[in-house]
């Protein structure tokens, strides 16, 4: 199978990463690269296998790790998109997505996606995937133009204060952050030098108002209402999803921690 003169082919051993781009290839071509080699295939009928056994796959991965299956999975083109199926015992990790378990599959959008296979943190194996899409414009004027500010969500001063307290473990970049409880937020705010008194009920009300408003926005945030089908413990999951949305949009930033700690200077706030 070949398309526009591009045939299925092994990737050069000199190719170190797909993150910065791939060689010229037809639209829809998939590149897959592991630590021990890679493969590229234009869109069409082809099964691109990956796994531990070098002799049985196109892209070897985890060749010295018996936790990785000999044929751990396969990439196939369904006529519109490339899809990966997990045939292995271990799940496949993809950014910001649930684990891809045995027997499950997912599609790839154009662009770069890292995948990980591994049973322990010291045995995680990277597979880089890049599906060729419409080429981006060459960086000419854009590289010197003014940075476009992120589209943040509007918050009142009280809302920003409460949400900063709620999300402070995330803003301080703790290893396994969780939202504070309503009681913890109230206690945190009551420790500030002003005379205002906060109760857990008031904190819960303010966060609930923000969740409802953002769930109904023009670009709605998913997973922040009970109606979204979030499992137990509901409150923690809803608040976690809310905080993630506020961080991704730069609505909350480490510098906001100054509202909680009047002794936190500008340089330290930026570095937290």
C-alpha atoms as a PDB file:
ATOM      1  CA  UNK A   1       0.000   0.000   0.000  1.00  0.00           C
ATOM      2  CA  UNK A   2       1.350   3.400  -0.969  1.00  0.00           C
ATOM      3  CA  UNK A   3      -0.176   6.850  -1.122  1.00  0.00           C
ATOM      4  CA  UNK A   4       1.320   9.772  -3.040  1.00  0.00           C
ATOM      5  CA  UNK A   5       4.548   7.792  -3.292  1.00  0.00           C
ATOM      6  CA  UNK A   6       4.715   7.241   0.475  1.00  0.00           C
ATOM      7  CA  UNK A   7       4.849   3.560   1.466  1.00  0.00           C
ATOM      8  CA  UNK A   8       4.745   1.965   4.931  1.00  0.00           C
ATOM      9  CA  UNK A   9       8.268   2.269   6.253  1.00  0.00           C
ATOM     10  CA  UNK A  10      10.504   1.931   9.268  1.00  0.00           C
ATOM     11  CA  UNK A  11      11.621   5.183  10.847  1.00  0.00           C
ATOM     12  CA  UNK A  12      15.282   6.087  10.820  1.00  0.00           C
ATOM     13  CA  UNK A  13      17.174   5.266  13.989  1.00  0.00           C
ATOM     14  CA  UNK A  14      18.345   8.882  13.989  1.00  0.00           C
ATOM     15  CA  UNK A  15      14.810  10.108  14.684  1.00  0.00           C
ATOM     16  CA  UNK A  16      14.823  10.907  18.392  1.00  0.00           C
ATOM     17  CA  UNK A  17      11.304  12.274  18.901  1.00  0.00           C
ATOM     18  CA  UNK A  18       8.075  13.131  17.097  1.00  0.00           C
ATOM     19  CA  UNK A  19       7.201  16.017  19.418  1.00  0.00           C
ATOM     20  CA  UNK A  20       8.778  18.663  17.198  1.00  0.00           C
ATOM     21  CA  UNK A  21       7.262  17.346  13.971  1.00  0.00           C
ATOM     22  CA  UNK A  22       7.613  14.602  11.362  1.00  0.00           C
ATOM     23  CA  UNK A  23       9.017  14.333   7.819  1.00  0.00           C
ATOM     24  CA  UNK A  24       6.827  15.296   4.869  1.00  0.00           C
ATOM     25  CA  UNK A  25       4.041  12.750   4.375  1.00  0.00           C
ATOM     26  CA  UNK A  26       0.452  12.593   3.045  1.00  0.00           C
ATOM     27  CA  UNK A  27      -2.382  13.843   5.234  1.00  0.00           C
ATOM     28  CA  UNK A  28      -3.489  11.173   7.670  1.00  0.00           C
ATOM     29  CA  UNK A  29      -0.146   9.381   7.790  1.00  0.00           C
ATOM     30  CA  UNK A  30       0.587   7.960  11.245  1.00  0.00           C
ATOM     31  CA  UNK A  31       4.071   7.936  12.761  1.00  0.00           C
ATOM     32  CA  UNK A  32       4.695   5.760  15.831  1.00  0.00           C
ATOM     33  CA  UNK A  33       8.034   5.846  17.636  1.00  0.00           C
ATOM     34  CA  UNK A  34       9.388   3.959  20.643  1.00  0.00           C
ATOM     35  CA  UNK A  35      12.778   3.701  22.286  1.00  0.00           C
ATOM     36  CA  UNK A  36      13.756   0.825  19.963  1.00  0.00           C
ATOM     37  CA  UNK A  37      12.484   2.114  16.650  1.00  0.00           C
ATOM     38  CA  UNK A  38       9.379   3.252  14.857  1.00  0.00           C
ATOM     39  CA  UNK A  39       7.140   2.955  11.839  1.00  0.00           C
ATOM     40  CA  UNK A  40       5.106   5.225   9.548  1.00  0.00           C
ATOM     41  CA  UNK A  41       2.029   4.298   7.508  1.00  0.00           C
ATOM     42  CA  UNK A  42      -0.170   6.385   5.192  1.00  0.00           C
ATOM     43  CA  UNK A  43      -3.950   6.125   5.736  1.00  0.00           C
ATOM     44  CA  UNK A  44      -5.416   2.897   4.395  1.00  0.00           C
ATOM     45  CA  UNK A  45      -5.782  -0.791   5.157  1.00  0.00           C
ATOM     46  CA  UNK A  46      -2.882  -1.620   7.420  1.00  0.00           C
ATOM     47  CA  UNK A  47      -2.417  -3.066  10.907  1.00  0.00           C
ATOM     48  CA  UNK A  48       0.482  -1.454  12.734  1.00  0.00           C
ATOM     49  CA  UNK A  49       1.381  -3.632  15.729  1.00  0.00           C
ATOM     50  CA  UNK A  50       3.341  -2.645  18.818  1.00  0.00           C
ATOM     51  CA  UNK A  51       4.535  -4.707  21.778  1.00  0.00           C
ATOM     52  CA  UNK A  52       7.422  -6.528  23.450  1.00  0.00           C
ATOM     53  CA  UNK A  53       8.230  -9.094  20.735  1.00  0.00           C
ATOM     54  CA  UNK A  54      10.503  -7.538  18.105  1.00  0.00           C
ATOM     55  CA  UNK A  55       9.710 -10.317  15.624  1.00  0.00           C
ATOM     56  CA  UNK A  56       5.930  -9.889  15.797  1.00  0.00           C
ATOM     57  CA  UNK A  57       5.439  -6.101  15.764  1.00  0.00           C
ATOM     58  CA  UNK A  58       6.316  -3.025  13.732  1.00  0.00           C
ATOM     59  CA  UNK A  59       7.177  -0.916  16.792  1.00  0.00           C
ATOM     60  CA  UNK A  60       8.872  -2.697  19.705  1.00  0.00           C
ATOM     61  CA  UNK A  61       8.138  -1.302  23.159  1.00  0.00           C
ATOM     62  CA  UNK A  62       9.185  -2.568  26.596  1.00  0.00           C
ATOM     63  CA  UNK A  63      11.302  -5.325  25.055  1.00  0.00           C
ATOM     64  CA  UNK A  64      12.879  -6.165  28.438  1.00  0.00           C
ATOM     65  CA  UNK A  65       9.681  -5.830  30.483  1.00  0.00           C
ATOM     66  CA  UNK A  66       7.589  -9.013  30.736  1.00  0.00           C
ATOM     67  CA  UNK A  67       4.643  -6.952  31.958  1.00  0.00           C
ATOM     68  CA  UNK A  68       4.242  -5.651  28.402  1.00  0.00           C
ATOM     69  CA  UNK A  69       2.444  -8.087  26.098  1.00  0.00           C
ATOM     70  CA  UNK A  70       4.216  -9.521  23.061  1.00  0.00           C
ATOM     71  CA  UNK A  71       1.585  -7.848  20.889  1.00  0.00           C
ATOM     72  CA  UNK A  72       0.265  -5.191  23.202  1.00  0.00           C
ATOM     73  CA  UNK A  73      -1.910  -3.405  20.667  1.00  0.00           C
ATOM     74  CA  UNK A  74      -2.561  -2.315  17.128  1.00  0.00           C
ATOM     75  CA  UNK A  75      -3.221   0.877  15.164  1.00  0.00           C
ATOM     76  CA  UNK A  76      -5.835   0.619  12.390  1.00  0.00           C
ATOM     77  CA  UNK A  77      -7.355   3.166   9.999  1.00  0.00           C
ATOM     78  CA  UNK A  78     -11.176   3.160   9.961  1.00  0.00           C
ATOM     79  CA  UNK A  79     -11.550   5.240   6.812  1.00  0.00           C
ATOM     80  CA  UNK A  80     -11.517   8.559   8.661  1.00  0.00           C
ATOM     81  CA  UNK A  81      -9.204   8.242  11.662  1.00  0.00           C
ATOM     82  CA  UNK A  82      -6.481   6.081  13.063  1.00  0.00           C
ATOM     83  CA  UNK A  83      -7.565   4.095  16.123  1.00  0.00           C
ATOM     84  CA  UNK A  84      -5.531   2.210  18.697  1.00  0.00           C
ATOM     85  CA  UNK A  85      -6.794  -0.991  20.346  1.00  0.00           C
ATOM     86  CA  UNK A  86      -5.299  -2.304  23.582  1.00  0.00           C
ATOM     87  CA  UNK A  87      -4.734  -6.074  23.422  1.00  0.00           C
ATOM     88  CA  UNK A  88      -2.389  -6.199  26.418  1.00  0.00           C
ATOM     89  CA  UNK A  89      -2.957  -6.881  30.096  1.00  0.00           C
ATOM     90  CA  UNK A  90      -1.568  -3.496  31.152  1.00  0.00           C
ATOM     91  CA  UNK A  91      -3.581  -0.335  30.476  1.00  0.00           C
ATOM     92  CA  UNK A  92      -2.351   2.399  28.151  1.00  0.00           C
ATOM     93  CA  UNK A  93      -2.073   5.911  29.559  1.00  0.00           C
ATOM     94  CA  UNK A  94      -2.892   8.956  27.429  1.00  0.00           C
ATOM     95  CA  UNK A  95      -2.850  12.620  28.518  1.00  0.00           C
ATOM     96  CA  UNK A  96      -5.976  13.856  30.344  1.00  0.00           C
ATOM     97  CA  UNK A  97      -7.953  10.702  29.536  1.00  0.00           C
ATOM     98  CA  UNK A  98      -9.140   7.611  31.411  1.00  0.00           C
ATOM     99  CA  UNK A  99      -6.844   4.603  31.191  1.00  0.00           C
ATOM    100  CA  UNK A 100      -7.290   2.654  27.951  1.00  0.00           C
ATOM    101  CA  UNK A 101      -8.009  -0.833  29.282  1.00  0.00           C
ATOM    102  CA  UNK A 102      -7.729  -4.234  27.628  1.00  0.00           C
ATOM    103  CA  UNK A 103     -10.204  -4.612  24.780  1.00  0.00           C
ATOM    104  CA  UNK A 104     -10.845  -0.869  24.464  1.00  0.00           C
ATOM    105  CA  UNK A 105      -9.931   1.502  21.661  1.00  0.00           C
ATOM    106  CA  UNK A 106      -9.782   5.212  20.952  1.00  0.00           C
ATOM    107  CA  UNK A 107      -9.267   7.457  17.922  1.00  0.00           C
ATOM    108  CA  UNK A 108      -6.449   9.944  17.289  1.00  0.00           C
ATOM    109  CA  UNK A 109      -6.848  13.516  16.141  1.00  0.00           C
ATOM    110  CA  UNK A 110      -4.131  15.038  13.935  1.00  0.00           C
ATOM    111  CA  UNK A 111      -1.049  16.076  15.857  1.00  0.00           C
ATOM    112  CA  UNK A 112       1.204  14.683  18.560  1.00  0.00           C
ATOM    113  CA  UNK A 113       0.095  12.315  21.347  1.00  0.00           C
ATOM    114  CA  UNK A 114       2.333  10.510  23.858  1.00  0.00           C
ATOM    115  CA  UNK A 115       1.249   7.063  25.115  1.00  0.00           C
ATOM    116  CA  UNK A 116       2.651   5.187  28.120  1.00  0.00           C
ATOM    117  CA  UNK A 117       2.579   1.499  29.051  1.00  0.00           C
ATOM    118  CA  UNK A 118       3.812   0.378  32.436  1.00  0.00           C
ATOM    119  CA  UNK A 119       2.878  -1.279  35.705  1.00  0.00           C
ATOM    120  CA  UNK A 120       5.171   0.818  37.895  1.00  0.00           C
ATOM    121  CA  UNK A 121       6.510   4.349  37.761  1.00  0.00           C
ATOM    122  CA  UNK A 122      10.039   3.095  37.060  1.00  0.00           C
ATOM    123  CA  UNK A 123       8.779   0.862  34.243  1.00  0.00           C
ATOM    124  CA  UNK A 124       6.753   3.179  32.062  1.00  0.00           C
ATOM    125  CA  UNK A 125       7.424   2.872  28.342  1.00  0.00           C
ATOM    126  CA  UNK A 126       6.763   5.756  25.964  1.00  0.00           C
ATOM    127  CA  UNK A 127       5.233   5.437  22.520  1.00  0.00           C
ATOM    128  CA  UNK A 128       5.031   8.682  20.571  1.00  0.00           C
ATOM    129  CA  UNK A 129       2.235   9.029  18.023  1.00  0.00           C
ATOM    130  CA  UNK A 130       1.943  11.752  15.400  1.00  0.00           C
ATOM    131  CA  UNK A 131      -0.852  11.872  12.821  1.00  0.00           C
ATOM    132  CA  UNK A 132      -0.169  14.242   9.944  1.00  0.00           C
ATOM    133  CA  UNK A 133      -2.733  17.025   9.660  1.00  0.00           C
ATOM    134  CA  UNK A 134      -2.938  20.278   7.728  1.00  0.00           C
ATOM    135  CA  UNK A 135       0.516  21.879   8.059  1.00  0.00           C
ATOM    136  CA  UNK A 136       0.697  24.901  10.275  1.00  0.00           C
ATOM    137  CA  UNK A 137       1.774  28.220   8.834  1.00  0.00           C
ATOM    138  CA  UNK A 138       5.472  28.870   9.080  1.00  0.00           C
ATOM    139  CA  UNK A 139       6.295  31.014  12.098  1.00  0.00           C
ATOM    140  CA  UNK A 140       7.095  34.392  10.596  1.00  0.00           C
ATOM    141  CA  UNK A 141       5.406  37.407  12.102  1.00  0.00           C
ATOM    142  CA  UNK A 142       3.659  35.288  14.751  1.00  0.00           C
ATOM    143  CA  UNK A 143       6.875  34.480  16.580  1.00  0.00           C
ATOM    144  CA  UNK A 144       7.420  38.176  17.319  1.00  0.00           C
ATOM    145  CA  UNK A 145       3.824  39.246  17.821  1.00  0.00           C
ATOM    146  CA  UNK A 146       2.253  40.011  21.184  1.00  0.00           C
ATOM    147  CA  UNK A 147       1.148  36.979  23.179  1.00  0.00           C
ATOM    148  CA  UNK A 148      -2.611  36.447  23.078  1.00  0.00           C
ATOM    149  CA  UNK A 149      -3.872  36.322  26.678  1.00  0.00           C
ATOM    150  CA  UNK A 150      -5.827  33.198  27.675  1.00  0.00           C
ATOM    151  CA  UNK A 151      -9.604  33.365  27.788  1.00  0.00           C
ATOM    152  CA  UNK A 152     -10.234  33.312  31.513  1.00  0.00           C
ATOM    153  CA  UNK A 153     -13.563  32.839  33.269  1.00  0.00           C
ATOM    154  CA  UNK A 154     -14.952  35.953  35.000  1.00  0.00           C
ATOM    155  CA  UNK A 155     -14.995  35.709  38.795  1.00  0.00           C
ATOM    156  CA  UNK A 156     -16.064  38.207  41.425  1.00  0.00           C
ATOM    157  CA  UNK A 157     -13.503  39.100  44.141  1.00  0.00           C
ATOM    158  CA  UNK A 158     -15.289  36.845  46.652  1.00  0.00           C
ATOM    159  CA  UNK A 159     -15.442  33.978  44.155  1.00  0.00           C
ATOM    160  CA  UNK A 160     -11.753  34.264  43.328  1.00  0.00           C
ATOM    161  CA  UNK A 161     -10.825  34.375  47.014  1.00  0.00           C
ATOM    162  CA  UNK A 162     -12.884  31.294  47.871  1.00  0.00           C
ATOM    163  CA  UNK A 163     -11.685  29.336  44.826  1.00  0.00           C
ATOM    164  CA  UNK A 164      -8.055  30.210  45.509  1.00  0.00           C
ATOM    165  CA  UNK A 165      -8.421  28.799  49.014  1.00  0.00           C
ATOM    166  CA  UNK A 166     -10.224  25.731  47.655  1.00  0.00           C
ATOM    167  CA  UNK A 167      -7.495  25.124  45.038  1.00  0.00           C
ATOM    168  CA  UNK A 168      -4.436  26.128  47.062  1.00  0.00           C
ATOM    169  CA  UNK A 169      -2.915  22.624  47.077  1.00  0.00           C
ATOM    170  CA  UNK A 170      -2.988  22.671  43.271  1.00  0.00           C
ATOM    171  CA  UNK A 171      -1.564  26.202  43.127  1.00  0.00           C
ATOM    172  CA  UNK A 172       1.236  25.187  45.488  1.00  0.00           C
ATOM    173  CA  UNK A 173       1.888  22.250  43.148  1.00  0.00           C
ATOM    174  CA  UNK A 174       1.644  19.568  45.800  1.00  0.00           C
ATOM    175  CA  UNK A 175       2.287  16.088  44.453  1.00  0.00           C
ATOM    176  CA  UNK A 176      -1.220  14.648  44.869  1.00  0.00           C
ATOM    177  CA  UNK A 177      -3.484  17.689  45.307  1.00  0.00           C
ATOM    178  CA  UNK A 178      -7.100  17.497  46.409  1.00  0.00           C
ATOM    179  CA  UNK A 179      -9.612  20.317  46.969  1.00  0.00           C
ATOM    180  CA  UNK A 180      -9.962  21.550  50.524  1.00  0.00           C
ATOM    181  CA  UNK A 181     -13.218  20.770  52.340  1.00  0.00           C
ATOM    182  CA  UNK A 182     -15.789  23.506  52.937  1.00  0.00           C
ATOM    183  CA  UNK A 183     -14.727  23.634  56.591  1.00  0.00           C
ATOM    184  CA  UNK A 184     -11.042  23.914  55.717  1.00  0.00           C
ATOM    185  CA  UNK A 185     -11.718  26.745  53.269  1.00  0.00           C
ATOM    186  CA  UNK A 186     -13.776  28.625  55.859  1.00  0.00           C
ATOM    187  CA  UNK A 187     -11.043  28.208  58.474  1.00  0.00           C
ATOM    188  CA  UNK A 188      -8.422  29.379  55.988  1.00  0.00           C
ATOM    189  CA  UNK A 189     -10.404  32.513  55.140  1.00  0.00           C
ATOM    190  CA  UNK A 190     -11.230  33.243  58.773  1.00  0.00           C
ATOM    191  CA  UNK A 191      -7.497  33.331  59.459  1.00  0.00           C
ATOM    192  CA  UNK A 192      -7.046  36.372  57.238  1.00  0.00           C
ATOM    193  CA  UNK A 193      -6.573  39.773  58.922  1.00  0.00           C
ATOM    194  CA  UNK A 194      -9.917  41.252  57.798  1.00  0.00           C
ATOM    195  CA  UNK A 195     -12.980  41.068  60.037  1.00  0.00           C
ATOM    196  CA  UNK A 196     -15.223  39.079  57.721  1.00  0.00           C
ATOM    197  CA  UNK A 197     -16.437  35.714  59.023  1.00  0.00           C
ATOM    198  CA  UNK A 198     -16.873  32.757  56.676  1.00  0.00           C
ATOM    199  CA  UNK A 199     -18.914  29.606  57.207  1.00  0.00           C
ATOM    200  CA  UNK A 200     -18.727  26.275  55.361  1.00  0.00           C
ATOM    201  CA  UNK A 201     -22.247  26.921  54.074  1.00  0.00           C
ATOM    202  CA  UNK A 202     -21.237  30.259  52.539  1.00  0.00           C
ATOM    203  CA  UNK A 203     -18.200  28.668  50.895  1.00  0.00           C
ATOM    204  CA  UNK A 204     -20.312  25.831  49.462  1.00  0.00           C
ATOM    205  CA  UNK A 205     -22.871  28.305  48.116  1.00  0.00           C
ATOM    206  CA  UNK A 206     -20.264  30.452  46.335  1.00  0.00           C
ATOM    207  CA  UNK A 207     -18.541  27.454  44.730  1.00  0.00           C
ATOM    208  CA  UNK A 208     -21.930  26.052  43.710  1.00  0.00           C
ATOM    209  CA  UNK A 209     -22.848  29.324  41.986  1.00  0.00           C
ATOM    210  CA  UNK A 210     -19.579  29.266  40.016  1.00  0.00           C
ATOM    211  CA  UNK A 211     -20.020  25.615  39.011  1.00  0.00           C
ATOM    212  CA  UNK A 212     -23.547  26.278  37.784  1.00  0.00           C
ATOM    213  CA  UNK A 213     -22.525  29.378  35.832  1.00  0.00           C
ATOM    214  CA  UNK A 214     -19.531  27.740  34.145  1.00  0.00           C
ATOM    215  CA  UNK A 215     -21.558  24.653  33.252  1.00  0.00           C
ATOM    216  CA  UNK A 216     -23.954  26.917  31.319  1.00  0.00           C
ATOM    217  CA  UNK A 217     -21.302  29.147  29.703  1.00  0.00           C
ATOM    218  CA  UNK A 218     -20.832  29.530  25.949  1.00  0.00           C
ATOM    219  CA  UNK A 219     -17.872  27.157  26.304  1.00  0.00           C
ATOM    220  CA  UNK A 220     -19.314  24.988  29.116  1.00  0.00           C
ATOM    221  CA  UNK A 221     -17.072  23.169  31.567  1.00  0.00           C
ATOM    222  CA  UNK A 222     -17.938  19.463  31.780  1.00  0.00           C
ATOM    223  CA  UNK A 223     -17.980  17.347  34.903  1.00  0.00           C
ATOM    224  CA  UNK A 224     -18.782  20.063  37.447  1.00  0.00           C
ATOM    225  CA  UNK A 225     -22.446  19.245  38.113  1.00  0.00           C
ATOM    226  CA  UNK A 226     -24.058  16.219  39.748  1.00  0.00           C
ATOM    227  CA  UNK A 227     -26.119  15.866  36.566  1.00  0.00           C
ATOM    228  CA  UNK A 228     -22.897  15.104  34.671  1.00  0.00           C
ATOM    229  CA  UNK A 229     -22.867  11.618  36.192  1.00  0.00           C
ATOM    230  CA  UNK A 230     -19.827  12.023  38.428  1.00  0.00           C
ATOM    231  CA  UNK A 231     -19.353   9.130  40.860  1.00  0.00           C
ATOM    232  CA  UNK A 232     -18.813   9.290  44.612  1.00  0.00           C
ATOM    233  CA  UNK A 233     -17.465  11.209  46.390  1.00  0.00           C
ATOM    234  CA  UNK A 234     -19.389  13.678  44.266  1.00  0.00           C
ATOM    235  CA  UNK A 235     -18.322  16.963  45.850  1.00  0.00           C
ATOM    236  CA  UNK A 236     -14.614  16.232  45.659  1.00  0.00           C
ATOM    237  CA  UNK A 237     -14.776  15.130  42.016  1.00  0.00           C
ATOM    238  CA  UNK A 238     -16.867  18.128  40.978  1.00  0.00           C
ATOM    239  CA  UNK A 239     -14.494  20.536  42.685  1.00  0.00           C
ATOM    240  CA  UNK A 240     -11.445  18.780  41.224  1.00  0.00           C
ATOM    241  CA  UNK A 241     -12.849  19.165  37.703  1.00  0.00           C
ATOM    242  CA  UNK A 242     -13.707  22.806  38.388  1.00  0.00           C
ATOM    243  CA  UNK A 243     -10.206  23.546  39.645  1.00  0.00           C
ATOM    244  CA  UNK A 244      -8.630  21.865  36.619  1.00  0.00           C
ATOM    245  CA  UNK A 245     -10.707  24.041  34.292  1.00  0.00           C
ATOM    246  CA  UNK A 246      -9.728  27.192  36.182  1.00  0.00           C
ATOM    247  CA  UNK A 247      -6.038  26.250  36.055  1.00  0.00           C
ATOM    248  CA  UNK A 248      -6.054  25.330  32.351  1.00  0.00           C
ATOM    249  CA  UNK A 249      -7.682  28.652  31.472  1.00  0.00           C
ATOM    250  CA  UNK A 250      -5.268  30.576  33.760  1.00  0.00           C
ATOM    251  CA  UNK A 251      -8.279  31.930  35.661  1.00  0.00           C
ATOM    252  CA  UNK A 252      -6.371  30.873  38.786  1.00  0.00           C
ATOM    253  CA  UNK A 253      -2.603  31.172  39.014  1.00  0.00           C
ATOM    254  CA  UNK A 254       0.022  30.763  41.770  1.00  0.00           C
ATOM    255  CA  UNK A 255       0.240  34.526  42.174  1.00  0.00           C
ATOM    256  CA  UNK A 256      -3.341  34.445  43.547  1.00  0.00           C
ATOM    257  CA  UNK A 257      -1.995  32.777  46.681  1.00  0.00           C
ATOM    258  CA  UNK A 258      -1.044  36.271  47.820  1.00  0.00           C
ATOM    259  CA  UNK A 259      -4.689  36.735  48.772  1.00  0.00           C
ATOM    260  CA  UNK A 260      -4.282  34.015  51.386  1.00  0.00           C
ATOM    261  CA  UNK A 261      -0.818  34.890  52.631  1.00  0.00           C
ATOM    262  CA  UNK A 262      -0.067  38.589  52.961  1.00  0.00           C
ATOM    263  CA  UNK A 263       3.607  37.749  53.613  1.00  0.00           C
ATOM    264  CA  UNK A 264       4.041  36.058  50.222  1.00  0.00           C
ATOM    265  CA  UNK A 265       6.093  38.445  48.081  1.00  0.00           C
ATOM    266  CA  UNK A 266       5.747  38.728  44.312  1.00  0.00           C
ATOM    267  CA  UNK A 267       8.822  36.675  43.414  1.00  0.00           C
ATOM    268  CA  UNK A 268       7.892  33.830  45.715  1.00  0.00           C
ATOM    269  CA  UNK A 269       4.291  33.825  44.503  1.00  0.00           C
ATOM    270  CA  UNK A 270       5.423  33.465  40.910  1.00  0.00           C
ATOM    271  CA  UNK A 271       7.697  30.550  41.846  1.00  0.00           C
ATOM    272  CA  UNK A 272       5.223  28.579  43.997  1.00  0.00           C
END
